[in-house]
Amino acid sequence: MDDKNKLHILWTNADMDTSRLMVMMYAKNSMLRSWWEEVTVIVWGATARLSAENAAIQEEIRLAQQAGVKFSACIACARELGVVSELEALGIEVKSWGPPLTELLKNNEKLITI
């Protein structure tokens, strides 16, 4: 797959409206409507807790995953907030994201920051 057809969404804003009506809506529709071949949502900061604790967001994540959206969370954030196991139970990969994010930026890959 060509990197120009991959999108990463760096999700740091834990506002419910923004989470539902931008991040989840765009990520899910991007896959359902073939706007992108691959979409990965990077769960970072407060969104780790939101994902672990909020049933409505968990349902949004599940629906996006069914559409083919990948989710991956910052392990440092997840550890700090005590939600590693909850995120993994949601099928969210938990890993170190500092170096990969740096590479995305250095390579001018497609990244939306919310």
PDB file of N, CA and C in Angstrom:
ATOM      1  N   MET A   1       0.842  -1.180   0.000  1.00  0.00           N
ATOM      2  CA  MET A   1       0.000   0.000   0.000  1.00  0.00           C
ATOM      3  C   MET A   1       0.889   1.245   0.000  1.00  0.00           C
ATOM      4  N   ASP A   2       0.505   2.190  -0.771  1.00  0.00           N
ATOM      5  CA  ASP A   2       1.206   3.465  -0.869  1.00  0.00           C
ATOM      6  C   ASP A   2       0.955   4.277   0.403  1.00  0.00           C
ATOM      7  N   ASP A   3       2.023   4.847   0.990  1.00  0.00           N
ATOM      8  CA  ASP A   3       1.880   5.636   2.212  1.00  0.00           C
ATOM      9  C   ASP A   3       0.938   6.822   2.047  1.00  0.00           C
ATOM     10  N   LYS A   4       0.768   7.293   0.809  1.00  0.00           N
ATOM     11  CA  LYS A   4      -0.128   8.436   0.624  1.00  0.00           C
ATOM     12  C   LYS A   4      -1.589   8.047   0.843  1.00  0.00           C
ATOM     13  N   ASN A   5      -1.873   6.760   0.942  1.00  0.00           N
ATOM     14  CA  ASN A   5      -3.228   6.291   1.198  1.00  0.00           C
ATOM     15  C   ASN A   5      -3.436   5.842   2.638  1.00  0.00           C
ATOM     16  N   LYS A   6      -2.478   6.195   3.523  1.00  0.00           N
ATOM     17  CA  LYS A   6      -2.578   5.904   4.948  1.00  0.00           C
ATOM     18  C   LYS A   6      -2.785   7.208   5.701  1.00  0.00           C
ATOM     19  N   LEU A   7      -3.685   7.182   6.650  1.00  0.00           N
ATOM     20  CA  LEU A   7      -3.939   8.343   7.492  1.00  0.00           C
ATOM     21  C   LEU A   7      -3.775   7.956   8.956  1.00  0.00           C
ATOM     22  N   HIS A   8      -3.099   8.803   9.701  1.00  0.00           N
ATOM     23  CA  HIS A   8      -3.025   8.676  11.152  1.00  0.00           C
ATOM     24  C   HIS A   8      -3.765   9.862  11.755  1.00  0.00           C
ATOM     25  N   ILE A   9      -4.550   9.589  12.774  1.00  0.00           N
ATOM     26  CA  ILE A   9      -5.250  10.635  13.510  1.00  0.00           C
ATOM     27  C   ILE A   9      -4.717  10.609  14.936  1.00  0.00           C
ATOM     28  N   LEU A  10      -4.024  11.662  15.327  1.00  0.00           N
ATOM     29  CA  LEU A  10      -3.506  11.787  16.685  1.00  0.00           C
ATOM     30  C   LEU A  10      -4.615  12.400  17.530  1.00  0.00           C
ATOM     31  N   TRP A  11      -5.225  11.570  18.375  1.00  0.00           N
ATOM     32  CA  TRP A  11      -6.418  11.947  19.132  1.00  0.00           C
ATOM     33  C   TRP A  11      -6.026  12.286  20.567  1.00  0.00           C
ATOM     34  N   THR A  12      -5.998  13.559  20.887  1.00  0.00           N
ATOM     35  CA  THR A  12      -5.615  14.004  22.228  1.00  0.00           C
ATOM     36  C   THR A  12      -6.733  14.767  22.931  1.00  0.00           C
ATOM     37  N   ASN A  13      -7.759  15.151  22.207  1.00  0.00           N
ATOM     38  CA  ASN A  13      -8.844  15.960  22.749  1.00  0.00           C
ATOM     39  C   ASN A  13      -9.948  15.045  23.267  1.00  0.00           C
ATOM     40  N   ALA A  14     -10.155  15.039  24.581  1.00  0.00           N
ATOM     41  CA  ALA A  14     -11.130  14.141  25.192  1.00  0.00           C
ATOM     42  C   ALA A  14     -12.538  14.732  25.277  1.00  0.00           C
ATOM     43  N   ASP A  15     -12.780  15.829  24.592  1.00  0.00           N
ATOM     44  CA  ASP A  15     -14.129  16.392  24.533  1.00  0.00           C
ATOM     45  C   ASP A  15     -15.037  15.408  23.803  1.00  0.00           C
ATOM     46  N   MET A  16     -16.174  15.084  24.400  1.00  0.00           N
ATOM     47  CA  MET A  16     -17.074  14.072  23.818  1.00  0.00           C
ATOM     48  C   MET A  16     -17.568  14.449  22.423  1.00  0.00           C
ATOM     49  N   ASP A  17     -17.970  15.685  22.238  1.00  0.00           N
ATOM     50  CA  ASP A  17     -18.487  16.083  20.927  1.00  0.00           C
ATOM     51  C   ASP A  17     -17.406  15.984  19.859  1.00  0.00           C
ATOM     52  N   THR A  18     -16.215  16.463  20.180  1.00  0.00           N
ATOM     53  CA  THR A  18     -15.108  16.381  19.228  1.00  0.00           C
ATOM     54  C   THR A  18     -14.742  14.929  18.955  1.00  0.00           C
ATOM     55  N   SER A  19     -14.722  14.125  19.995  1.00  0.00           N
ATOM     56  CA  SER A  19     -14.376  12.708  19.851  1.00  0.00           C
ATOM     57  C   SER A  19     -15.374  11.988  18.950  1.00  0.00           C
ATOM     58  N   ARG A  20     -16.655  12.202  19.200  1.00  0.00           N
ATOM     59  CA  ARG A  20     -17.696  11.519  18.429  1.00  0.00           C
ATOM     60  C   ARG A  20     -17.863  12.092  17.024  1.00  0.00           C
ATOM     61  N   LEU A  21     -17.948  13.426  16.948  1.00  0.00           N
ATOM     62  CA  LEU A  21     -18.367  14.060  15.704  1.00  0.00           C
ATOM     63  C   LEU A  21     -17.229  14.452  14.775  1.00  0.00           C
ATOM     64  N   MET A  22     -15.990  14.254  15.219  1.00  0.00           N
ATOM     65  CA  MET A  22     -14.869  14.469  14.310  1.00  0.00           C
ATOM     66  C   MET A  22     -14.049  13.199  14.205  1.00  0.00           C
ATOM     67  N   VAL A  23     -13.393  12.826  15.308  1.00  0.00           N
ATOM     68  CA  VAL A  23     -12.451  11.703  15.265  1.00  0.00           C
ATOM     69  C   VAL A  23     -13.133  10.422  14.814  1.00  0.00           C
ATOM     70  N   MET A  24     -14.145   9.992  15.544  1.00  0.00           N
ATOM     71  CA  MET A  24     -14.794   8.710  15.227  1.00  0.00           C
ATOM     72  C   MET A  24     -15.556   8.770  13.905  1.00  0.00           C
ATOM     73  N   MET A  25     -16.258   9.861  13.681  1.00  0.00           N
ATOM     74  CA  MET A  25     -17.045   9.982  12.453  1.00  0.00           C
ATOM     75  C   MET A  25     -16.135   9.962  11.219  1.00  0.00           C
ATOM     76  N   TYR A  26     -15.077  10.759  11.260  1.00  0.00           N
ATOM     77  CA  TYR A  26     -14.197  10.820  10.092  1.00  0.00           C
ATOM     78  C   TYR A  26     -13.426   9.524   9.901  1.00  0.00           C
ATOM     79  N   ALA A  27     -12.914   8.965  10.985  1.00  0.00           N
ATOM     80  CA  ALA A  27     -12.146   7.712  10.871  1.00  0.00           C
ATOM     81  C   ALA A  27     -13.016   6.596  10.287  1.00  0.00           C
ATOM     82  N   LYS A  28     -14.195   6.432  10.833  1.00  0.00           N
ATOM     83  CA  LYS A  28     -15.089   5.360  10.383  1.00  0.00           C
ATOM     84  C   LYS A  28     -15.518   5.575   8.930  1.00  0.00           C
ATOM     85  N   ASN A  29     -15.954   6.781   8.608  1.00  0.00           N
ATOM     86  CA  ASN A  29     -16.411   7.050   7.244  1.00  0.00           C
ATOM     87  C   ASN A  29     -15.275   6.990   6.233  1.00  0.00           C
ATOM     88  N   SER A  30     -14.065   7.299   6.667  1.00  0.00           N
ATOM     89  CA  SER A  30     -12.906   7.188   5.777  1.00  0.00           C
ATOM     90  C   SER A  30     -12.728   5.764   5.272  1.00  0.00           C
ATOM     91  N   MET A  31     -12.986   4.818   6.143  1.00  0.00           N
ATOM     92  CA  MET A  31     -12.861   3.416   5.744  1.00  0.00           C
ATOM     93  C   MET A  31     -14.104   2.950   4.974  1.00  0.00           C
ATOM     94  N   LEU A  32     -15.283   3.271   5.484  1.00  0.00           N
ATOM     95  CA  LEU A  32     -16.518   2.826   4.838  1.00  0.00           C
ATOM     96  C   LEU A  32     -16.675   3.389   3.428  1.00  0.00           C
ATOM     97  N   ARG A  33     -16.161   4.594   3.200  1.00  0.00           N
ATOM     98  CA  ARG A  33     -16.310   5.264   1.907  1.00  0.00           C
ATOM     99  C   ARG A  33     -15.027   5.244   1.075  1.00  0.00           C
ATOM    100  N   SER A  34     -14.042   4.503   1.565  1.00  0.00           N
ATOM    101  CA  SER A  34     -12.760   4.320   0.849  1.00  0.00           C
ATOM    102  C   SER A  34     -12.044   5.633   0.556  1.00  0.00           C
ATOM    103  N   TRP A  35     -12.131   6.576   1.478  1.00  0.00           N
ATOM    104  CA  TRP A  35     -11.378   7.815   1.324  1.00  0.00           C
ATOM    105  C   TRP A  35      -9.895   7.555   1.537  1.00  0.00           C
ATOM    106  N   TRP A  36      -9.584   6.607   2.430  1.00  0.00           N
ATOM    107  CA  TRP A  36      -8.226   6.176   2.732  1.00  0.00           C
ATOM    108  C   TRP A  36      -8.216   4.655   2.741  1.00  0.00           C
ATOM    109  N   GLU A  37      -7.087   4.062   2.405  1.00  0.00           N
ATOM    110  CA  GLU A  37      -6.967   2.609   2.454  1.00  0.00           C
ATOM    111  C   GLU A  37      -6.715   2.117   3.869  1.00  0.00           C
ATOM    112  N   GLU A  38      -6.078   2.946   4.684  1.00  0.00           N
ATOM    113  CA  GLU A  38      -5.778   2.571   6.066  1.00  0.00           C
ATOM    114  C   GLU A  38      -5.899   3.798   6.953  1.00  0.00           C
ATOM    115  N   VAL A  39      -6.580   3.635   8.081  1.00  0.00           N
ATOM    116  CA  VAL A  39      -6.717   4.710   9.062  1.00  0.00           C
ATOM    117  C   VAL A  39      -6.331   4.153  10.425  1.00  0.00           C
ATOM    118  N   THR A  40      -5.434   4.860  11.097  1.00  0.00           N
ATOM    119  CA  THR A  40      -5.038   4.502  12.448  1.00  0.00           C
ATOM    120  C   THR A  40      -5.289   5.692  13.363  1.00  0.00           C
ATOM    121  N   VAL A  41      -6.039   5.454  14.440  1.00  0.00           N
ATOM    122  CA  VAL A  41      -6.265   6.473  15.452  1.00  0.00           C
ATOM    123  C   VAL A  41      -5.264   6.223  16.578  1.00  0.00           C
ATOM    124  N   ILE A  42      -4.471   7.241  16.881  1.00  0.00           N
ATOM    125  CA  ILE A  42      -3.492   7.159  17.958  1.00  0.00           C
ATOM    126  C   ILE A  42      -4.107   7.785  19.202  1.00  0.00           C
ATOM    127  N   VAL A  43      -4.337   6.965  20.209  1.00  0.00           N
ATOM    128  CA  VAL A  43      -4.958   7.390  21.461  1.00  0.00           C
ATOM    129  C   VAL A  43      -3.845   7.917  22.363  1.00  0.00           C
ATOM    130  N   TRP A  44      -3.918   9.211  22.719  1.00  0.00           N
ATOM    131  CA  TRP A  44      -2.805   9.834  23.426  1.00  0.00           C
ATOM    132  C   TRP A  44      -3.367  10.763  24.507  1.00  0.00           C
ATOM    133  N   GLY A  45      -2.791  10.723  25.669  1.00  0.00           N
ATOM    134  CA  GLY A  45      -3.193  11.621  26.749  1.00  0.00           C
ATOM    135  C   GLY A  45      -4.555  11.270  27.320  1.00  0.00           C
ATOM    136  N   ALA A  46      -5.367  12.295  27.536  1.00  0.00           N
ATOM    137  CA  ALA A  46      -6.664  12.135  28.195  1.00  0.00           C
ATOM    138  C   ALA A  46      -7.612  11.204  27.455  1.00  0.00           C
ATOM    139  N   THR A  47      -7.393  11.011  26.169  1.00  0.00           N
ATOM    140  CA  THR A  47      -8.284  10.125  25.413  1.00  0.00           C
ATOM    141  C   THR A  47      -8.100   8.663  25.819  1.00  0.00           C
ATOM    142  N   ALA A  48      -6.970   8.338  26.437  1.00  0.00           N
ATOM    143  CA  ALA A  48      -6.780   6.979  26.944  1.00  0.00           C
ATOM    144  C   ALA A  48      -7.782   6.698  28.059  1.00  0.00           C
ATOM    145  N   ARG A  49      -7.915   7.644  28.980  1.00  0.00           N
ATOM    146  CA  ARG A  49      -8.888   7.478  30.070  1.00  0.00           C
ATOM    147  C   ARG A  49     -10.317   7.487  29.521  1.00  0.00           C
ATOM    148  N   LEU A  50     -10.606   8.406  28.612  1.00  0.00           N
ATOM    149  CA  LEU A  50     -11.943   8.478  28.022  1.00  0.00           C
ATOM    150  C   LEU A  50     -12.308   7.151  27.372  1.00  0.00           C
ATOM    151  N   SER A  51     -11.386   6.588  26.615  1.00  0.00           N
ATOM    152  CA  SER A  51     -11.643   5.315  25.937  1.00  0.00           C
ATOM    153  C   SER A  51     -11.854   4.176  26.935  1.00  0.00           C
ATOM    154  N   ALA A  52     -11.102   4.192  28.000  1.00  0.00           N
ATOM    155  CA  ALA A  52     -11.183   3.113  28.997  1.00  0.00           C
ATOM    156  C   ALA A  52     -12.441   3.186  29.847  1.00  0.00           C
ATOM    157  N   GLU A  53     -12.984   4.386  30.029  1.00  0.00           N
ATOM    158  CA  GLU A  53     -14.058   4.565  31.006  1.00  0.00           C
ATOM    159  C   GLU A  53     -15.424   4.909  30.430  1.00  0.00           C
ATOM    160  N   ASN A  54     -15.499   5.354  29.194  1.00  0.00           N
ATOM    161  CA  ASN A  54     -16.759   5.859  28.661  1.00  0.00           C
ATOM    162  C   ASN A  54     -17.406   4.853  27.713  1.00  0.00           C
ATOM    163  N   ALA A  55     -18.570   4.354  28.090  1.00  0.00           N
ATOM    164  CA  ALA A  55     -19.263   3.328  27.299  1.00  0.00           C
ATOM    165  C   ALA A  55     -19.648   3.824  25.913  1.00  0.00           C
ATOM    166  N   ALA A  56     -20.038   5.075  25.786  1.00  0.00           N
ATOM    167  CA  ALA A  56     -20.429   5.615  24.472  1.00  0.00           C
ATOM    168  C   ALA A  56     -19.217   5.661  23.532  1.00  0.00           C
ATOM    169  N   ILE A  57     -18.075   6.076  24.043  1.00  0.00           N
ATOM    170  CA  ILE A  57     -16.863   6.109  23.216  1.00  0.00           C
ATOM    171  C   ILE A  57     -16.415   4.683  22.895  1.00  0.00           C
ATOM    172  N   GLN A  58     -16.550   3.782  23.838  1.00  0.00           N
ATOM    173  CA  GLN A  58     -16.203   2.383  23.577  1.00  0.00           C
ATOM    174  C   GLN A  58     -17.030   1.812  22.438  1.00  0.00           C
ATOM    175  N   GLU A  59     -18.290   2.171  22.382  1.00  0.00           N
ATOM    176  CA  GLU A  59     -19.149   1.725  21.276  1.00  0.00           C
ATOM    177  C   GLU A  59     -18.694   2.355  19.958  1.00  0.00           C
ATOM    178  N   GLU A  60     -18.328   3.638  19.986  1.00  0.00           N
ATOM    179  CA  GLU A  60     -17.817   4.304  18.787  1.00  0.00           C
ATOM    180  C   GLU A  60     -16.538   3.615  18.306  1.00  0.00           C
ATOM    181  N   ILE A  61     -15.662   3.263  19.233  1.00  0.00           N
ATOM    182  CA  ILE A  61     -14.423   2.568  18.883  1.00  0.00           C
ATOM    183  C   ILE A  61     -14.745   1.223  18.248  1.00  0.00           C
ATOM    184  N   ARG A  62     -15.665   0.491  18.856  1.00  0.00           N
ATOM    185  CA  ARG A  62     -16.046  -0.823  18.325  1.00  0.00           C
ATOM    186  C   ARG A  62     -16.581  -0.704  16.896  1.00  0.00           C
ATOM    187  N   LEU A  63     -17.435   0.265  16.650  1.00  0.00           N
ATOM    188  CA  LEU A  63     -17.998   0.454  15.307  1.00  0.00           C
ATOM    189  C   LEU A  63     -16.911   0.849  14.299  1.00  0.00           C
ATOM    190  N   ALA A  64     -15.997   1.704  14.726  1.00  0.00           N
ATOM    191  CA  ALA A  64     -14.900   2.101  13.843  1.00  0.00           C
ATOM    192  C   ALA A  64     -13.997   0.900  13.546  1.00  0.00           C
ATOM    193  N   GLN A  65     -13.718   0.086  14.558  1.00  0.00           N
ATOM    194  CA  GLN A  65     -12.909  -1.112  14.344  1.00  0.00           C
ATOM    195  C   GLN A  65     -13.584  -2.050  13.351  1.00  0.00           C
ATOM    196  N   GLN A  66     -14.894  -2.197  13.469  1.00  0.00           N
ATOM    197  CA  GLN A  66     -15.631  -3.047  12.528  1.00  0.00           C
ATOM    198  C   GLN A  66     -15.513  -2.521  11.098  1.00  0.00           C
ATOM    199  N   ALA A  67     -15.378  -1.213  10.960  1.00  0.00           N
ATOM    200  CA  ALA A  67     -15.218  -0.609   9.632  1.00  0.00           C
ATOM    201  C   ALA A  67     -13.788  -0.735   9.121  1.00  0.00           C
ATOM    202  N   GLY A  68     -12.876  -1.168   9.990  1.00  0.00           N
ATOM    203  CA  GLY A  68     -11.493  -1.362   9.578  1.00  0.00           C
ATOM    204  C   GLY A  68     -10.490  -0.367  10.149  1.00  0.00           C
ATOM    205  N   VAL A  69     -10.949   0.535  10.999  1.00  0.00           N
ATOM    206  CA  VAL A  69     -10.054   1.508  11.618  1.00  0.00           C
ATOM    207  C   VAL A  69      -9.202   0.798  12.668  1.00  0.00           C
ATOM    208  N   LYS A  70      -7.900   1.114  12.675  1.00  0.00           N
ATOM    209  CA  LYS A  70      -6.982   0.577  13.670  1.00  0.00           C
ATOM    210  C   LYS A  70      -6.839   1.589  14.792  1.00  0.00           C
ATOM    211  N   PHE A  71      -6.683   1.089  16.009  1.00  0.00           N
ATOM    212  CA  PHE A  71      -6.471   1.950  17.167  1.00  0.00           C
ATOM    213  C   PHE A  71      -5.200   1.520  17.865  1.00  0.00           C
ATOM    214  N   SER A  72      -4.398   2.506  18.265  1.00  0.00           N
ATOM    215  CA  SER A  72      -3.151   2.249  18.962  1.00  0.00           C
ATOM    216  C   SER A  72      -2.965   3.349  19.994  1.00  0.00           C
ATOM    217  N   ALA A  73      -2.569   2.981  21.213  1.00  0.00           N
ATOM    218  CA  ALA A  73      -2.457   3.959  22.297  1.00  0.00           C
ATOM    219  C   ALA A  73      -1.027   4.104  22.779  1.00  0.00           C
ATOM    220  N   CYS A  74      -0.726   5.280  23.266  1.00  0.00           N
ATOM    221  CA  CYS A  74       0.566   5.585  23.877  1.00  0.00           C
ATOM    222  C   CYS A  74       0.671   4.843  25.205  1.00  0.00           C
ATOM    223  N   ILE A  75       1.671   3.987  25.333  1.00  0.00           N
ATOM    224  CA  ILE A  75       1.814   3.199  26.556  1.00  0.00           C
ATOM    225  C   ILE A  75       2.165   4.066  27.762  1.00  0.00           C
ATOM    226  N   ALA A  76       2.959   5.106  27.559  1.00  0.00           N
ATOM    227  CA  ALA A  76       3.309   5.977  28.688  1.00  0.00           C
ATOM    228  C   ALA A  76       2.056   6.632  29.272  1.00  0.00           C
ATOM    229  N   CYS A  77       1.178   7.103  28.411  1.00  0.00           N
ATOM    230  CA  CYS A  77      -0.079   7.718  28.866  1.00  0.00           C
ATOM    231  C   CYS A  77      -0.965   6.678  29.547  1.00  0.00           C
ATOM    232  N   ALA A  78      -1.100   5.521  28.924  1.00  0.00           N
ATOM    233  CA  ALA A  78      -1.954   4.469  29.470  1.00  0.00           C
ATOM    234  C   ALA A  78      -1.457   4.014  30.840  1.00  0.00           C
ATOM    235  N   ARG A  79      -0.147   3.891  30.991  1.00  0.00           N
ATOM    236  CA  ARG A  79       0.414   3.514  32.298  1.00  0.00           C
ATOM    237  C   ARG A  79       0.165   4.610  33.325  1.00  0.00           C
ATOM    238  N   GLU A  80       0.445   5.835  32.950  1.00  0.00           N
ATOM    239  CA  GLU A  80       0.265   6.967  33.871  1.00  0.00           C
ATOM    240  C   GLU A  80      -1.180   7.058  34.354  1.00  0.00           C
ATOM    241  N   LEU A  81      -2.115   6.771  33.479  1.00  0.00           N
ATOM    242  CA  LEU A  81      -3.539   6.857  33.818  1.00  0.00           C
ATOM    243  C   LEU A  81      -4.100   5.534  34.347  1.00  0.00           C
ATOM    244  N   GLY A  82      -3.297   4.490  34.360  1.00  0.00           N
ATOM    245  CA  GLY A  82      -3.724   3.192  34.902  1.00  0.00           C
ATOM    246  C   GLY A  82      -4.778   2.487  34.077  1.00  0.00           C
ATOM    247  N   VAL A  83      -4.679   2.593  32.734  1.00  0.00           N
ATOM    248  CA  VAL A  83      -5.737   2.025  31.884  1.00  0.00           C
ATOM    249  C   VAL A  83      -5.211   1.062  30.813  1.00  0.00           C
ATOM    250  N   VAL A  84      -4.011   0.536  30.980  1.00  0.00           N
ATOM    251  CA  VAL A  84      -3.437  -0.348  29.962  1.00  0.00           C
ATOM    252  C   VAL A  84      -4.344  -1.546  29.700  1.00  0.00           C
ATOM    253  N   SER A  85      -4.745  -2.248  30.733  1.00  0.00           N
ATOM    254  CA  SER A  85      -5.548  -3.465  30.526  1.00  0.00           C
ATOM    255  C   SER A  85      -6.914  -3.149  29.940  1.00  0.00           C
ATOM    256  N   GLU A  86      -7.487  -2.023  30.309  1.00  0.00           N
ATOM    257  CA  GLU A  86      -8.796  -1.645  29.763  1.00  0.00           C
ATOM    258  C   GLU A  86      -8.705  -1.370  28.261  1.00  0.00           C
ATOM    259  N   LEU A  87      -7.639  -0.694  27.851  1.00  0.00           N
ATOM    260  CA  LEU A  87      -7.460  -0.416  26.423  1.00  0.00           C
ATOM    261  C   LEU A  87      -7.213  -1.700  25.643  1.00  0.00           C
ATOM    262  N   GLU A  88      -6.379  -2.563  26.175  1.00  0.00           N
ATOM    263  CA  GLU A  88      -6.116  -3.840  25.501  1.00  0.00           C
ATOM    264  C   GLU A  88      -7.388  -4.668  25.385  1.00  0.00           C
ATOM    265  N   ALA A  89      -8.244  -4.614  26.408  1.00  0.00           N
ATOM    266  CA  ALA A  89      -9.512  -5.351  26.364  1.00  0.00           C
ATOM    267  C   ALA A  89     -10.430  -4.829  25.260  1.00  0.00           C
ATOM    268  N   LEU A  90     -10.230  -3.574  24.864  1.00  0.00           N
ATOM    269  CA  LEU A  90     -11.012  -2.978  23.766  1.00  0.00           C
ATOM    270  C   LEU A  90     -10.402  -3.293  22.401  1.00  0.00           C
ATOM    271  N   GLY A  91      -9.315  -4.055  22.389  1.00  0.00           N
ATOM    272  CA  GLY A  91      -8.665  -4.374  21.127  1.00  0.00           C
ATOM    273  C   GLY A  91      -7.764  -3.255  20.631  1.00  0.00           C
ATOM    274  N   ILE A  92      -7.347  -2.388  21.541  1.00  0.00           N
ATOM    275  CA  ILE A  92      -6.470  -1.281  21.188  1.00  0.00           C
ATOM    276  C   ILE A  92      -5.030  -1.697  21.479  1.00  0.00           C
ATOM    277  N   GLU A  93      -4.198  -1.592  20.470  1.00  0.00           N
ATOM    278  CA  GLU A  93      -2.773  -1.855  20.642  1.00  0.00           C
ATOM    279  C   GLU A  93      -2.212  -0.783  21.583  1.00  0.00           C
ATOM    280  N   VAL A  94      -1.338  -1.183  22.510  1.00  0.00           N
ATOM    281  CA  VAL A  94      -0.714  -0.236  23.424  1.00  0.00           C
ATOM    282  C   VAL A  94       0.792  -0.359  23.239  1.00  0.00           C
ATOM    283  N   LYS A  95       1.434   0.764  22.841  1.00  0.00           N
ATOM    284  CA  LYS A  95       2.865   0.710  22.545  1.00  0.00           C
ATOM    285  C   LYS A  95       3.497   2.088  22.728  1.00  0.00           C
ATOM    286  N   SER A  96       4.798   2.119  22.667  1.00  0.00           N
ATOM    287  CA  SER A  96       5.534   3.384  22.703  1.00  0.00           C
ATOM    288  C   SER A  96       5.283   4.105  21.378  1.00  0.00           C
ATOM    289  N   TRP A  97       4.788   5.336  21.457  1.00  0.00           N
ATOM    290  CA  TRP A  97       4.462   6.064  20.237  1.00  0.00           C
ATOM    291  C   TRP A  97       5.398   7.226  19.937  1.00  0.00           C
ATOM    292  N   GLY A  98       6.306   7.562  20.850  1.00  0.00           N
ATOM    293  CA  GLY A  98       7.213   8.688  20.595  1.00  0.00           C
ATOM    294  C   GLY A  98       8.021   8.523  19.321  1.00  0.00           C
ATOM    295  N   PRO A  99       8.802   7.444  19.191  1.00  0.00           N
ATOM    296  CA  PRO A  99       9.593   7.269  17.964  1.00  0.00           C
ATOM    297  C   PRO A  99       8.744   7.130  16.687  1.00  0.00           C
ATOM    298  N   PRO A 100       7.663   6.320  16.692  1.00  0.00           N
ATOM    299  CA  PRO A 100       6.878   6.227  15.452  1.00  0.00           C
ATOM    300  C   PRO A 100       6.235   7.558  15.044  1.00  0.00           C
ATOM    301  N   LEU A 101       5.763   8.332  16.029  1.00  0.00           N
ATOM    302  CA  LEU A 101       5.181   9.633  15.702  1.00  0.00           C
ATOM    303  C   LEU A 101       6.244  10.557  15.106  1.00  0.00           C
ATOM    304  N   THR A 102       7.432  10.514  15.676  1.00  0.00           N
ATOM    305  CA  THR A 102       8.533  11.320  15.151  1.00  0.00           C
ATOM    306  C   THR A 102       8.827  10.951  13.697  1.00  0.00           C
ATOM    307  N   GLU A 103       8.830   9.662  13.398  1.00  0.00           N
ATOM    308  CA  GLU A 103       9.072   9.217  12.017  1.00  0.00           C
ATOM    309  C   GLU A 103       7.960   9.663  11.079  1.00  0.00           C
ATOM    310  N   LEU A 104       6.701   9.566  11.531  1.00  0.00           N
ATOM    311  CA  LEU A 104       5.588  10.052  10.712  1.00  0.00           C
ATOM    312  C   LEU A 104       5.800  11.517  10.342  1.00  0.00           C
ATOM    313  N   LEU A 105       6.166  12.306  11.327  1.00  0.00           N
ATOM    314  CA  LEU A 105       6.369  13.735  11.102  1.00  0.00           C
ATOM    315  C   LEU A 105       7.563  13.994  10.185  1.00  0.00           C
ATOM    316  N   LYS A 106       8.671  13.327  10.440  1.00  0.00           N
ATOM    317  CA  LYS A 106       9.869  13.532   9.613  1.00  0.00           C
ATOM    318  C   LYS A 106       9.651  13.117   8.165  1.00  0.00           C
ATOM    319  N   ASN A 107       8.793  12.114   7.960  1.00  0.00           N
ATOM    320  CA  ASN A 107       8.514  11.613   6.613  1.00  0.00           C
ATOM    321  C   ASN A 107       7.347  12.333   5.939  1.00  0.00           C
ATOM    322  N   ASN A 108       6.822  13.370   6.596  1.00  0.00           N
ATOM    323  CA  ASN A 108       5.697  14.129   6.048  1.00  0.00           C
ATOM    324  C   ASN A 108       4.504  13.251   5.678  1.00  0.00           C
ATOM    325  N   GLU A 109       4.256  12.246   6.512  1.00  0.00           N
ATOM    326  CA  GLU A 109       3.114  11.371   6.259  1.00  0.00           C
ATOM    327  C   GLU A 109       1.819  12.079   6.669  1.00  0.00           C
ATOM    328  N   LYS A 110       0.694  11.514   6.266  1.00  0.00           N
ATOM    329  CA  LYS A 110      -0.605  12.124   6.512  1.00  0.00           C
ATOM    330  C   LYS A 110      -0.983  11.956   7.995  1.00  0.00           C
ATOM    331  N   LEU A 111      -1.130  13.081   8.687  1.00  0.00           N
ATOM    332  CA  LEU A 111      -1.431  13.093  10.115  1.00  0.00           C
ATOM    333  C   LEU A 111      -2.379  14.235  10.419  1.00  0.00           C
ATOM    334  N   ILE A 112      -3.489  13.907  11.049  1.00  0.00           N
ATOM    335  CA  ILE A 112      -4.405  14.908  11.562  1.00  0.00           C
ATOM    336  C   ILE A 112      -4.254  14.885  13.085  1.00  0.00           C
ATOM    337  N   THR A 113      -4.139  16.046  13.686  1.00  0.00           N
ATOM    338  CA  THR A 113      -4.031  16.131  15.139  1.00  0.00           C
ATOM    339  C   THR A 113      -5.282  16.806  15.688  1.00  0.00           C
ATOM    340  N   ILE A 114      -5.953  16.073  16.574  1.00  0.00           N
ATOM    341  CA  ILE A 114      -7.198  16.566  17.167  1.00  0.00           C
ATOM    342  C   ILE A 114      -7.037  16.600  18.676  1.00  0.00           C
TER     343      ILE A 114
END
